[in-house]
Amino acid sequence: MPASIQHEASDVYVLRISGTLTKSDLGGVQDYAAREIKNGAKPRILVMLEDFEGFERGAAWGELEFLFTHINDITKIAIVGSPRWEADALAFAGVGSRRAPVKYFPPAKSEEAWDWLEQK
């Protein structure tokens, strides 16, 4: 499965994405996050792009219901991945559209990403 999410500590969730991210895989992760938010979570998300190859071509990525519905429910997003994917990942995370800070880190700085995410 190219996308999985796991609740780690307090409101920190680790989203692991590998290979090609499909719209259906992302939908499953978003459904889980929406249930957690409905139950009171204010997620801080650590996105780990591991052997990431990009986004499914031809998918209708323009449907952003989750982003618009939960834009202010996610507290912070840290993304760890190859510098090659920085611009795409930041755009996909909705930088500029959400209040929550979003920051990109190279793989060698994954501990720094975790530390930044835990700062309130």
C-alpha atoms as a PDB file:
ATOM      1  CA  MET A   1       0.000   0.000   0.000  1.00  0.00           C
ATOM      2  CA  PRO A   2       1.599   3.274  -1.078  1.00  0.00           C
ATOM      3  CA  ALA A   3      -0.027   5.335   1.710  1.00  0.00           C
ATOM      4  CA  SER A   4      -0.597   4.500   5.364  1.00  0.00           C
ATOM      5  CA  ILE A   5      -1.184   6.578   8.464  1.00  0.00           C
ATOM      6  CA  GLN A   6      -0.457   5.716  12.070  1.00  0.00           C
ATOM      7  CA  HIS A   7      -1.312   7.571  15.273  1.00  0.00           C
ATOM      8  CA  GLU A   8       1.946   7.896  17.218  1.00  0.00           C
ATOM      9  CA  ALA A   9       1.858  10.132  20.307  1.00  0.00           C
ATOM     10  CA  SER A  10      -0.756  12.627  21.501  1.00  0.00           C
ATOM     11  CA  ASP A  11      -1.919  14.271  18.273  1.00  0.00           C
ATOM     12  CA  VAL A  12       1.051  13.262  16.090  1.00  0.00           C
ATOM     13  CA  TYR A  13       0.219  11.121  13.079  1.00  0.00           C
ATOM     14  CA  VAL A  14       2.814   9.636  10.728  1.00  0.00           C
ATOM     15  CA  LEU A  15       1.747   9.411   7.098  1.00  0.00           C
ATOM     16  CA  ARG A  16       4.056   7.187   5.038  1.00  0.00           C
ATOM     17  CA  ILE A  17       3.890   7.467   1.263  1.00  0.00           C
ATOM     18  CA  SER A  18       5.916   5.291  -1.090  1.00  0.00           C
ATOM     19  CA  GLY A  19       5.840   4.533  -4.778  1.00  0.00           C
ATOM     20  CA  THR A  20       3.142   6.325  -6.752  1.00  0.00           C
ATOM     21  CA  LEU A  21       0.422   7.936  -4.651  1.00  0.00           C
ATOM     22  CA  THR A  22      -3.008   7.108  -6.036  1.00  0.00           C
ATOM     23  CA  LYS A  23      -6.139   9.083  -5.381  1.00  0.00           C
ATOM     24  CA  SER A  24      -7.814   6.029  -3.807  1.00  0.00           C
ATOM     25  CA  ASP A  25      -4.898   5.463  -1.405  1.00  0.00           C
ATOM     26  CA  LEU A  26      -5.004   9.111  -0.385  1.00  0.00           C
ATOM     27  CA  GLY A  27      -8.766   8.853   0.076  1.00  0.00           C
ATOM     28  CA  GLY A  28      -8.356   6.014   2.575  1.00  0.00           C
ATOM     29  CA  VAL A  29      -5.862   8.041   4.600  1.00  0.00           C
ATOM     30  CA  GLN A  30      -8.109  11.103   4.489  1.00  0.00           C
ATOM     31  CA  ASP A  31     -11.111   9.056   5.668  1.00  0.00           C
ATOM     32  CA  TYR A  32      -9.106   7.868   8.678  1.00  0.00           C
ATOM     33  CA  ALA A  33      -7.937  11.418   9.465  1.00  0.00           C
ATOM     34  CA  ALA A  34     -11.493  12.761   9.144  1.00  0.00           C
ATOM     35  CA  ARG A  35     -12.735  10.190  11.697  1.00  0.00           C
ATOM     36  CA  GLU A  36      -9.924  11.130  14.095  1.00  0.00           C
ATOM     37  CA  ILE A  37     -10.734  14.843  13.706  1.00  0.00           C
ATOM     38  CA  LYS A  38     -14.431  14.144  14.292  1.00  0.00           C
ATOM     39  CA  ASN A  39     -13.413  12.424  17.543  1.00  0.00           C
ATOM     40  CA  GLY A  40     -11.573  15.533  18.709  1.00  0.00           C
ATOM     41  CA  ALA A  41      -8.042  15.148  17.337  1.00  0.00           C
ATOM     42  CA  LYS A  42      -6.085  18.226  16.231  1.00  0.00           C
ATOM     43  CA  PRO A  43      -3.521  16.353  14.141  1.00  0.00           C
ATOM     44  CA  ARG A  44       0.088  17.292  13.654  1.00  0.00           C
ATOM     45  CA  ILE A  45       1.153  15.256  10.639  1.00  0.00           C
ATOM     46  CA  LEU A  46       4.604  13.953   9.787  1.00  0.00           C
ATOM     47  CA  VAL A  47       4.625  12.959   6.109  1.00  0.00           C
ATOM     48  CA  MET A  48       7.418  10.545   5.200  1.00  0.00           C
ATOM     49  CA  LEU A  49       8.026  10.288   1.445  1.00  0.00           C
ATOM     50  CA  GLU A  50       9.920   6.986   1.198  1.00  0.00           C
ATOM     51  CA  ASP A  51      10.946   5.839  -2.281  1.00  0.00           C
ATOM     52  CA  PHE A  52       8.293   8.247  -3.514  1.00  0.00           C
ATOM     53  CA  GLU A  53       7.770   8.227  -7.296  1.00  0.00           C
ATOM     54  CA  GLY A  54       5.085  10.880  -7.650  1.00  0.00           C
ATOM     55  CA  PHE A  55       1.355  11.235  -8.041  1.00  0.00           C
ATOM     56  CA  GLU A  56      -1.008   9.071 -10.100  1.00  0.00           C
ATOM     57  CA  ARG A  57      -1.278  10.573 -13.562  1.00  0.00           C
ATOM     58  CA  GLY A  58      -4.705  11.357 -14.904  1.00  0.00           C
ATOM     59  CA  ALA A  59      -6.380  11.275 -11.475  1.00  0.00           C
ATOM     60  CA  ALA A  60      -8.893  13.996 -10.641  1.00  0.00           C
ATOM     61  CA  TRP A  61      -6.669  15.637  -8.004  1.00  0.00           C
ATOM     62  CA  GLY A  62      -8.710  18.832  -8.246  1.00  0.00           C
ATOM     63  CA  GLU A  63     -11.349  17.434  -5.862  1.00  0.00           C
ATOM     64  CA  LEU A  64     -10.198  18.937  -2.581  1.00  0.00           C
ATOM     65  CA  GLU A  65     -13.156  18.278  -0.288  1.00  0.00           C
ATOM     66  CA  PHE A  66     -10.943  17.074   2.578  1.00  0.00           C
ATOM     67  CA  LEU A  67      -8.724  20.158   2.329  1.00  0.00           C
ATOM     68  CA  PHE A  68     -11.664  22.555   2.395  1.00  0.00           C
ATOM     69  CA  THR A  69     -13.575  20.684   5.103  1.00  0.00           C
ATOM     70  CA  HIS A  70     -10.611  20.232   7.460  1.00  0.00           C
ATOM     71  CA  ILE A  71      -8.335  23.096   6.456  1.00  0.00           C
ATOM     72  CA  ASN A  72      -8.195  24.482  10.004  1.00  0.00           C
ATOM     73  CA  ASP A  73      -8.332  21.157  11.859  1.00  0.00           C
ATOM     74  CA  ILE A  74      -4.756  20.112  11.105  1.00  0.00           C
ATOM     75  CA  THR A  75      -2.359  21.954  13.389  1.00  0.00           C
ATOM     76  CA  LYS A  76       1.000  21.446  11.667  1.00  0.00           C
ATOM     77  CA  ILE A  77       2.522  19.451   8.800  1.00  0.00           C
ATOM     78  CA  ALA A  78       6.156  18.387   8.459  1.00  0.00           C
ATOM     79  CA  ILE A  79       7.142  16.678   5.209  1.00  0.00           C
ATOM     80  CA  VAL A  80      10.328  14.624   4.889  1.00  0.00           C
ATOM     81  CA  GLY A  81      11.478  13.666   1.429  1.00  0.00           C
ATOM     82  CA  SER A  82      13.907  14.075  -1.410  1.00  0.00           C
ATOM     83  CA  PRO A  83      14.497  17.712  -2.414  1.00  0.00           C
ATOM     84  CA  ARG A  84      13.185  16.696  -5.845  1.00  0.00           C
ATOM     85  CA  TRP A  85       9.631  16.572  -4.473  1.00  0.00           C
ATOM     86  CA  GLU A  86       9.672  19.695  -2.279  1.00  0.00           C
ATOM     87  CA  ALA A  87       7.723  22.083  -4.538  1.00  0.00           C
ATOM     88  CA  ASP A  88       5.109  19.474  -5.503  1.00  0.00           C
ATOM     89  CA  ALA A  89       4.629  18.255  -1.930  1.00  0.00           C
ATOM     90  CA  LEU A  90       4.271  21.763  -0.500  1.00  0.00           C
ATOM     91  CA  ALA A  91       1.717  22.675  -3.161  1.00  0.00           C
ATOM     92  CA  PHE A  92      -0.162  19.418  -2.567  1.00  0.00           C
ATOM     93  CA  ALA A  93      -0.198  20.127   1.198  1.00  0.00           C
ATOM     94  CA  GLY A  94      -1.988  23.390   0.522  1.00  0.00           C
ATOM     95  CA  VAL A  95       0.720  25.844   1.535  1.00  0.00           C
ATOM     96  CA  GLY A  96      -0.806  29.297   1.310  1.00  0.00           C
ATOM     97  CA  SER A  97      -4.329  27.891   1.653  1.00  0.00           C
ATOM     98  CA  ARG A  98      -4.166  26.856   5.293  1.00  0.00           C
ATOM     99  CA  ARG A  99      -3.278  28.570   8.556  1.00  0.00           C
ATOM    100  CA  ALA A 100      -1.218  25.653   9.823  1.00  0.00           C
ATOM    101  CA  PRO A 101       2.498  25.867   9.180  1.00  0.00           C
ATOM    102  CA  VAL A 102       3.930  23.397   6.681  1.00  0.00           C
ATOM    103  CA  LYS A 103       7.670  22.760   6.472  1.00  0.00           C
ATOM    104  CA  TYR A 104       9.774  20.505   4.230  1.00  0.00           C
ATOM    105  CA  PHE A 105      12.854  18.604   5.441  1.00  0.00           C
ATOM    106  CA  PRO A 106      15.401  16.444   3.593  1.00  0.00           C
ATOM    107  CA  PRO A 107      15.671  12.806   4.764  1.00  0.00           C
ATOM    108  CA  ALA A 108      18.851  13.505   6.769  1.00  0.00           C
ATOM    109  CA  LYS A 109      16.833  15.913   8.943  1.00  0.00           C
ATOM    110  CA  SER A 110      13.908  13.633   9.834  1.00  0.00           C
ATOM    111  CA  GLU A 111      14.633  13.998  13.578  1.00  0.00           C
ATOM    112  CA  GLU A 112      14.579  17.780  13.184  1.00  0.00           C
ATOM    113  CA  ALA A 113      11.198  17.430  11.431  1.00  0.00           C
ATOM    114  CA  TRP A 114       9.843  15.407  14.364  1.00  0.00           C
ATOM    115  CA  ASP A 115      11.163  17.979  16.866  1.00  0.00           C
ATOM    116  CA  TRP A 116       9.647  20.869  14.880  1.00  0.00           C
ATOM    117  CA  LEU A 117       6.320  19.057  14.678  1.00  0.00           C
ATOM    118  CA  GLU A 118       6.182  18.497  18.436  1.00  0.00           C
ATOM    119  CA  GLN A 119       6.763  22.196  19.222  1.00  0.00           C
ATOM    120  CA  LYS A 120       3.479  23.881  20.028  1.00  0.00           C
END
